[in-house]
Amino acid sequence: MSLHALIEAMPKIELHVHLEGAVRPETLLRLARKHGVSLPADTFEGISRWYTFIDFPHFVEIYFKISECIQTAEDIELVAREFLAGQAAQNIIYTEATYTAYTHYQQKGISFEAQLAAIKRARDWAQTNLGVSMNLIIDIDRGVAAETGAITAQWVAGAYGDGVVAFGMGGYEVGNPPEKHRTALERVQNAGIPCVLHAGETEGASSIWGALRAGKSVRIGHGVRCLEDPALVEELRRRQIPLEVCPTSNIRLGVAPTLAEHPLPQLIAQGLYVTLNSDDPPMFNTTLTQEFQQCADAFGWSADTLETLTLNAARAALLPENEKRPLEARLHEQFNLLRRQYLKT
């Protein structure tokens, strides 16, 4: 068995992937035709070309067009089912997906409760039929008004524990520090709800410090620019704050020029807590499987490194211990079986 085949077969955990950002071109076409939404192309090939990342404004344009095509609770369930089927095909047995609920409420008036119910139907279906599970990080874009953040925080506080595991914050970092959403952050923090903030991608170390101090972020989405500040590296290492690293996303957004020049090996060498993720896979023409394969090739990873990174993700998951321990045991068992098969051939 080749290392690539081992990666395809191995169980995986994903902590940084956006549900709306994972909508496949064929799904978008189906929804657009259903609702009469005009797209830049009307074929799978055309939409795939349009999905190809150009720059951040183009990325935002695609994201909003996807949201425009999701018009009902049934659409949300469809998107979630197809996403979970794709995770199952990669043997991603547990996912914490980021989901921006307020957009669908604001644009289409779909209540938060109806959105969660639709996703729960998809989660239950996937657990029963595919053997994979998912929880949600309900996030806000940093650029929205503080009032919007506060509404979302209220929703999260009411739904926490019912498939919702954290409050998140994404979007363009420059000019949008987490302190802008202090009311929302304090609302969930005072309720004992974890926060998971994107930081250290479109802005440097100061953004990560803000995520840690104001956001009390238990993980950092991206975080790769922490290397710009040795004191921050020491803080992250000392506290073993998990970094949700998304190499292809970083390259497409210009954070690293190529995979060979990506800071991932340096993050690991510095003793930081690293997990591997795909972010918005169809938009960046990647999957979690491909992220592992490409990084293994570029950085000379062994089967042991693959297992370590997978176990890192399992241990960083926002699950109770009575769920996390069996998950880790399952990973150990499957990796041992795969390693024996891998080493024999």
Protein backbone atom coordinates (compact mmCIF):
# COMPACT_ATOMS: atom_id res chain seq x y z
CA MET A 1 0.00 0.00 0.00
CA SER A 2 1.39 3.43 -0.92
CA LEU A 3 1.39 6.31 1.51
CA HIS A 4 -1.29 8.01 -0.61
CA ALA A 5 -3.46 4.89 -0.33
CA LEU A 6 -2.89 4.82 3.42
CA ILE A 7 -4.06 8.44 3.62
CA GLU A 8 -7.19 7.63 1.63
CA ALA A 9 -7.98 4.71 3.93
CA MET A 10 -7.12 6.28 7.27
CA PRO A 11 -9.81 7.70 9.57
CA LYS A 12 -9.78 11.48 9.77
CA ILE A 13 -11.10 14.31 11.93
CA GLU A 14 -11.76 17.79 10.53
CA LEU A 15 -12.12 20.89 12.70
CA HIS A 16 -11.95 23.77 10.21
CA VAL A 17 -14.33 23.52 7.27
CA HIS A 18 -17.19 25.85 6.34
CA LEU A 19 -20.50 24.18 5.57
CA GLU A 20 -21.56 26.79 3.00
CA GLY A 21 -18.03 26.93 1.61
CA ALA A 22 -18.14 23.18 0.98
CA VAL A 23 -21.11 23.32 -1.42
CA ARG A 24 -20.13 21.44 -4.56
CA PRO A 25 -20.61 22.94 -8.06
CA GLU A 26 -23.26 20.36 -8.98
CA THR A 27 -25.22 21.15 -5.81
CA LEU A 28 -25.05 24.87 -6.53
CA LEU A 29 -26.38 24.30 -10.06
CA ARG A 30 -29.23 22.21 -8.69
CA LEU A 31 -30.23 24.88 -6.18
CA ALA A 32 -29.87 27.72 -8.67
CA ARG A 33 -32.17 25.97 -11.16
CA LYS A 34 -34.66 25.20 -8.41
CA HIS A 35 -34.92 28.87 -7.38
CA GLY A 36 -34.25 30.60 -10.69
CA VAL A 37 -31.01 32.17 -9.52
CA SER A 38 -28.69 33.34 -12.27
CA LEU A 39 -25.13 31.98 -12.11
CA PRO A 40 -22.06 32.96 -14.17
CA ALA A 41 -22.24 29.53 -15.85
CA ASP A 42 -24.87 26.82 -16.28
CA THR A 43 -22.69 23.71 -16.51
CA PHE A 44 -20.62 21.76 -14.00
CA GLU A 45 -17.44 22.63 -15.91
CA GLY A 46 -18.34 26.30 -16.04
CA ILE A 47 -19.13 26.53 -12.34
CA SER A 48 -15.95 24.63 -11.51
CA ARG A 49 -13.94 27.21 -13.47
CA TRP A 50 -15.82 30.06 -11.75
CA TYR A 51 -15.06 28.45 -8.37
CA THR A 52 -11.32 28.65 -9.12
CA PHE A 53 -9.90 31.13 -6.65
CA ILE A 54 -8.72 34.48 -8.07
CA ASP A 55 -8.64 36.82 -5.07
CA PHE A 56 -10.47 37.51 -1.83
CA PRO A 57 -13.26 39.67 -3.40
CA HIS A 58 -13.92 36.85 -5.89
CA PHE A 59 -14.06 34.40 -3.01
CA VAL A 60 -16.63 36.62 -1.24
CA GLU A 61 -18.65 36.90 -4.46
CA ILE A 62 -18.90 33.10 -4.70
CA TYR A 63 -19.77 32.78 -1.04
CA PHE A 64 -22.67 35.22 -1.32
CA LYS A 65 -23.94 33.57 -4.50
CA ILE A 66 -23.96 30.21 -2.71
CA SER A 67 -25.94 31.78 0.12
CA GLU A 68 -28.40 33.28 -2.38
CA CYS A 69 -29.08 29.81 -3.79
CA ILE A 70 -29.83 28.36 -0.34
CA GLN A 71 -33.37 29.64 0.16
CA THR A 72 -35.23 27.13 2.33
CA ALA A 73 -34.66 24.82 5.30
CA GLU A 74 -34.86 21.92 2.86
CA ASP A 75 -31.97 23.42 0.91
CA ILE A 76 -29.94 23.62 4.09
CA GLU A 77 -30.65 19.95 4.79
CA LEU A 78 -29.61 19.03 1.25
CA VAL A 79 -26.34 20.95 1.57
CA ALA A 80 -25.61 19.32 4.93
CA ARG A 81 -26.43 15.81 3.66
CA GLU A 82 -24.22 16.17 0.60
CA PHE A 83 -21.43 17.63 2.71
CA LEU A 84 -21.60 14.72 5.16
CA ALA A 85 -21.68 12.22 2.30
CA GLY A 86 -18.48 13.80 1.03
CA GLN A 87 -16.92 13.59 4.48
CA ALA A 88 -17.89 9.92 4.73
CA ALA A 89 -16.33 9.22 1.31
CA GLN A 90 -13.04 10.49 2.74
CA ASN A 91 -13.47 8.51 5.96
CA ILE A 92 -13.76 11.74 7.96
CA ILE A 93 -15.54 10.22 10.91
CA TYR A 94 -16.06 13.41 12.92
CA THR A 95 -16.36 17.02 11.77
CA GLU A 96 -16.80 20.36 13.50
CA ALA A 97 -18.22 22.48 10.69
CA THR A 98 -18.46 26.26 10.81
CA TYR A 99 -21.88 27.60 9.82
CA THR A 100 -23.04 31.21 9.43
CA ALA A 101 -26.67 31.07 10.50
CA TYR A 102 -27.40 34.81 10.60
CA THR A 103 -26.89 35.21 6.83
CA HIS A 104 -29.75 32.83 6.06
CA TYR A 105 -31.97 34.51 8.64
CA GLN A 106 -31.20 37.98 7.30
CA GLN A 107 -31.49 37.15 3.60
CA LYS A 108 -34.36 34.65 3.58
CA GLY A 109 -35.95 34.88 7.01
CA ILE A 110 -35.20 31.24 7.90
CA SER A 111 -35.36 31.08 11.67
CA PHE A 112 -32.38 29.78 13.58
CA GLU A 113 -34.52 26.98 14.96
CA ALA A 114 -35.57 25.88 11.45
CA GLN A 115 -31.95 25.96 10.29
CA LEU A 116 -30.76 23.83 13.19
CA ALA A 117 -33.62 21.37 12.73
CA ALA A 118 -32.70 20.94 9.05
CA ILE A 119 -29.06 20.31 9.89
CA LYS A 120 -30.05 17.93 12.67
CA ARG A 121 -32.03 15.84 10.18
CA ALA A 122 -28.93 15.62 8.02
CA ARG A 123 -26.72 14.80 11.01
CA ASP A 124 -29.05 12.04 12.16
CA TRP A 125 -29.21 10.62 8.63
CA ALA A 126 -25.42 10.61 8.31
CA GLN A 127 -24.91 9.02 11.71
CA THR A 128 -27.40 6.24 10.93
CA ASN A 129 -26.54 5.59 7.29
CA LEU A 130 -22.91 6.63 6.93
CA GLY A 131 -21.46 6.24 10.41
CA VAL A 132 -20.08 9.78 10.53
CA SER A 133 -20.95 12.61 12.91
CA MET A 134 -20.84 16.40 12.89
CA ASN A 135 -21.26 19.27 15.30
CA LEU A 136 -21.48 22.98 14.51
CA ILE A 137 -19.51 26.10 15.29
CA ILE A 138 -21.99 28.92 14.70
CA ASP A 139 -19.97 31.91 13.57
CA ILE A 140 -20.25 35.54 12.58
CA ASP A 141 -18.29 37.52 10.05
CA ARG A 142 -16.04 39.98 11.88
CA GLY A 143 -17.32 42.74 9.62
CA VAL A 144 -20.97 42.59 10.71
CA ALA A 145 -22.49 45.01 13.18
CA ALA A 146 -22.04 44.33 16.88
CA GLU A 147 -25.81 43.88 17.16
CA THR A 148 -25.69 41.01 14.66
CA GLY A 149 -22.97 39.35 16.68
CA ALA A 150 -25.01 39.71 19.84
CA ILE A 151 -28.06 38.08 18.23
CA THR A 152 -25.96 35.14 17.05
CA ALA A 153 -24.42 34.79 20.51
CA GLN A 154 -27.92 34.62 21.98
CA TRP A 155 -28.83 31.85 19.53
CA VAL A 156 -25.67 29.91 20.38
CA ALA A 157 -26.37 30.23 24.09
CA GLY A 158 -29.81 28.72 23.57
CA ALA A 159 -28.64 25.87 21.34
CA TYR A 160 -25.36 24.96 23.01
CA GLY A 161 -25.11 21.21 23.53
CA ASP A 162 -27.74 20.42 20.90
CA GLY A 163 -25.29 19.91 18.05
CA VAL A 164 -23.71 23.32 18.67
CA VAL A 165 -20.29 23.21 20.32
CA ALA A 166 -18.88 26.74 19.97
CA PHE A 167 -19.25 30.35 18.89
CA GLY A 168 -16.96 31.32 16.02
CA MET A 169 -15.70 34.39 14.25
CA GLY A 170 -14.35 34.53 10.69
CA GLY A 171 -14.01 37.00 7.87
CA TYR A 172 -11.46 39.68 7.02
CA GLU A 173 -9.29 40.40 10.05
CA VAL A 174 -7.81 43.80 9.14
CA GLY A 175 -9.84 46.55 10.79
CA ASN A 176 -12.18 44.05 12.47
CA PRO A 177 -10.67 43.11 15.84
CA PRO A 178 -12.65 40.77 18.10
CA GLU A 179 -13.06 43.59 20.61
CA LYS A 180 -15.70 44.99 18.24
CA HIS A 181 -17.88 42.06 19.29
CA ARG A 182 -17.17 42.19 23.01
CA THR A 183 -20.87 41.94 23.92
CA ALA A 184 -21.30 38.74 21.90
CA LEU A 185 -18.07 37.22 23.18
CA GLU A 186 -18.89 37.97 26.80
CA ARG A 187 -22.39 36.54 26.36
CA VAL A 188 -21.11 33.12 25.33
CA GLN A 189 -18.04 33.18 27.57
CA ASN A 190 -20.17 33.90 30.65
CA ALA A 191 -22.33 30.90 29.69
CA GLY A 192 -19.25 28.66 29.59
CA ILE A 193 -19.41 28.23 25.80
CA PRO A 194 -16.10 27.85 23.93
CA CYS A 195 -15.07 30.40 21.33
CA VAL A 196 -13.12 29.46 18.21
CA LEU A 197 -11.84 32.47 16.27
CA HIS A 198 -10.12 32.74 12.90
CA ALA A 199 -6.92 34.74 13.32
CA GLY A 200 -3.42 35.06 11.97
CA GLU A 201 -4.20 34.65 8.29
CA THR A 202 -5.12 38.01 6.73
CA GLU A 203 -3.49 39.82 9.67
CA GLY A 204 -0.45 38.98 11.74
CA ALA A 205 0.34 38.17 15.35
CA SER A 206 -1.71 41.02 16.82
CA SER A 207 -4.88 39.37 15.53
CA ILE A 208 -3.99 36.11 17.28
CA TRP A 209 -3.29 37.96 20.52
CA GLY A 210 -6.75 39.52 20.20
CA ALA A 211 -8.33 36.11 19.66
CA LEU A 212 -6.63 34.81 22.80
CA ARG A 213 -7.23 37.81 25.03
CA ALA A 214 -10.60 39.24 24.00
CA GLY A 215 -11.92 36.09 22.36
CA LYS A 216 -10.52 33.57 24.85
CA SER A 217 -10.31 31.33 21.79
CA VAL A 218 -9.77 27.66 22.68
CA ARG A 219 -8.42 27.00 19.17
CA ILE A 220 -7.12 29.34 16.49
CA GLY A 221 -8.51 29.09 12.98
CA HIS A 222 -5.36 29.27 10.81
CA GLY A 223 -2.87 30.99 13.16
CA VAL A 224 0.06 30.43 10.80
CA ARG A 225 1.38 33.98 11.16
CA CYS A 226 2.10 33.45 14.83
CA LEU A 227 5.73 32.89 13.80
CA GLU A 228 6.05 36.66 13.37
CA ASP A 229 6.11 37.04 17.18
CA PRO A 230 8.36 34.76 19.29
CA ALA A 231 6.47 35.70 22.46
CA LEU A 232 3.23 34.56 20.84
CA VAL A 233 4.83 31.29 19.72
CA GLU A 234 5.90 30.70 23.32
CA GLU A 235 2.38 31.46 24.59
CA LEU A 236 0.76 29.10 22.09
CA ARG A 237 3.31 26.39 22.83
CA ARG A 238 3.01 26.75 26.59
CA ARG A 239 -0.79 26.57 26.50
CA GLN A 240 -0.88 24.06 23.62
CA ILE A 241 -3.58 26.06 21.84
CA PRO A 242 -4.52 24.04 18.74
CA LEU A 243 -3.95 25.69 15.37
CA GLU A 244 -6.37 24.75 12.58
CA VAL A 245 -3.95 24.89 9.67
CA CYS A 246 -5.37 24.96 6.11
CA PRO A 247 -2.36 24.95 3.76
CA THR A 248 -4.08 25.26 0.37
CA SER A 249 -6.34 28.03 1.66
CA ASN A 250 -3.26 29.90 2.92
CA ILE A 251 -1.56 29.58 -0.46
CA ARG A 252 -4.62 30.72 -2.42
CA LEU A 253 -5.00 33.74 -0.12
CA GLY A 254 -1.32 34.63 -0.51
CA VAL A 255 -0.24 33.90 3.06
CA ALA A 256 2.38 31.48 1.69
CA PRO A 257 3.59 31.55 -1.92
CA THR A 258 3.83 27.77 -2.38
CA LEU A 259 3.33 24.63 -0.34
CA ALA A 260 7.10 24.12 -0.19
CA GLU A 261 7.36 27.53 1.51
CA HIS A 262 4.40 27.05 3.84
CA PRO A 263 5.27 27.50 7.54
CA LEU A 264 3.62 24.20 8.57
CA PRO A 265 6.91 22.31 9.15
CA GLN A 266 8.21 25.21 11.23
CA LEU A 267 5.03 25.27 13.31
CA ILE A 268 5.51 21.58 14.09
CA ALA A 269 9.24 22.02 14.77
CA GLN A 270 8.43 24.81 17.24
CA GLY A 271 6.34 22.38 19.29
CA LEU A 272 3.02 23.99 18.43
CA TYR A 273 -0.23 22.04 18.43
CA VAL A 274 -1.16 21.54 14.77
CA THR A 275 -4.22 20.08 13.05
CA LEU A 276 -4.77 19.80 9.29
CA ASN A 277 -7.94 21.03 7.56
CA SER A 278 -9.45 21.99 4.18
CA ASP A 279 -11.37 25.24 4.96
CA ASP A 280 -13.58 25.75 1.84
CA PRO A 281 -12.62 22.67 -0.20
CA PRO A 282 -14.40 23.09 -3.58
CA MET A 283 -13.42 26.76 -3.77
CA PHE A 284 -9.77 25.89 -3.25
CA ASN A 285 -9.95 22.70 -5.35
CA THR A 286 -8.91 20.51 -2.44
CA THR A 287 -10.12 17.97 0.10
CA LEU A 288 -8.81 16.97 3.49
CA THR A 289 -7.45 13.79 1.89
CA GLN A 290 -5.55 15.87 -0.65
CA GLU A 291 -4.22 18.18 2.06
CA PHE A 292 -2.69 15.18 3.83
CA GLN A 293 -1.34 13.71 0.59
CA GLN A 294 0.23 16.92 -0.66
CA CYS A 295 1.76 17.76 2.71
CA ALA A 296 3.09 14.22 3.13
CA ASP A 297 4.80 14.52 -0.25
CA ALA A 298 6.13 18.04 0.34
CA PHE A 299 7.36 17.51 3.90
CA GLY A 300 8.28 13.83 3.94
CA TRP A 301 5.71 12.81 6.51
CA SER A 302 5.58 9.25 7.83
CA ALA A 303 2.59 7.20 8.93
CA ASP A 304 3.44 8.21 12.51
CA THR A 305 3.08 11.90 11.61
CA LEU A 306 -0.27 11.24 9.96
CA GLU A 307 -1.50 9.51 13.10
CA THR A 308 -0.18 12.27 15.37
CA LEU A 309 -1.97 14.99 13.40
CA THR A 310 -5.20 12.99 13.35
CA LEU A 311 -5.03 12.36 17.09
CA ASN A 312 -4.28 16.06 17.61
CA ALA A 313 -7.59 16.86 15.92
CA ALA A 314 -9.48 14.28 17.97
CA ARG A 315 -8.06 15.64 21.24
CA ALA A 316 -8.82 19.22 20.21
CA ALA A 317 -12.43 18.38 19.32
CA LEU A 318 -15.07 20.06 21.47
CA LEU A 319 -16.54 16.80 22.72
CA PRO A 320 -17.16 15.55 26.25
CA GLU A 321 -14.57 13.08 27.53
CA ASN A 322 -17.02 10.17 27.38
CA GLU A 323 -17.22 10.73 23.60
CA LYS A 324 -13.61 11.75 23.01
CA ARG A 325 -11.99 8.70 24.61
CA PRO A 326 -13.80 6.15 22.38
CA LEU A 327 -13.00 8.31 19.34
CA GLU A 328 -9.29 8.26 20.18
CA ALA A 329 -9.38 4.52 20.82
CA ARG A 330 -11.05 3.95 17.46
CA LEU A 331 -8.36 5.99 15.72
CA HIS A 332 -5.55 4.09 17.46
CA GLU A 333 -7.06 0.76 16.50
CA GLN A 334 -7.58 1.67 12.85
CA PHE A 335 -4.12 3.21 12.48
CA ASN A 336 -2.51 0.09 13.96
CA LEU A 337 -4.33 -2.07 11.42
CA LEU A 338 -3.41 0.22 8.54
CA ARG A 339 0.20 0.52 9.66
CA ARG A 340 0.63 -3.26 9.67
CA GLN A 341 -0.84 -3.42 6.18
CA TYR A 342 1.27 -0.46 5.03
CA LEU A 343 4.55 -1.79 6.43
CA LYS A 344 4.02 -5.27 4.98
CA THR A 345 3.94 -4.08 1.37
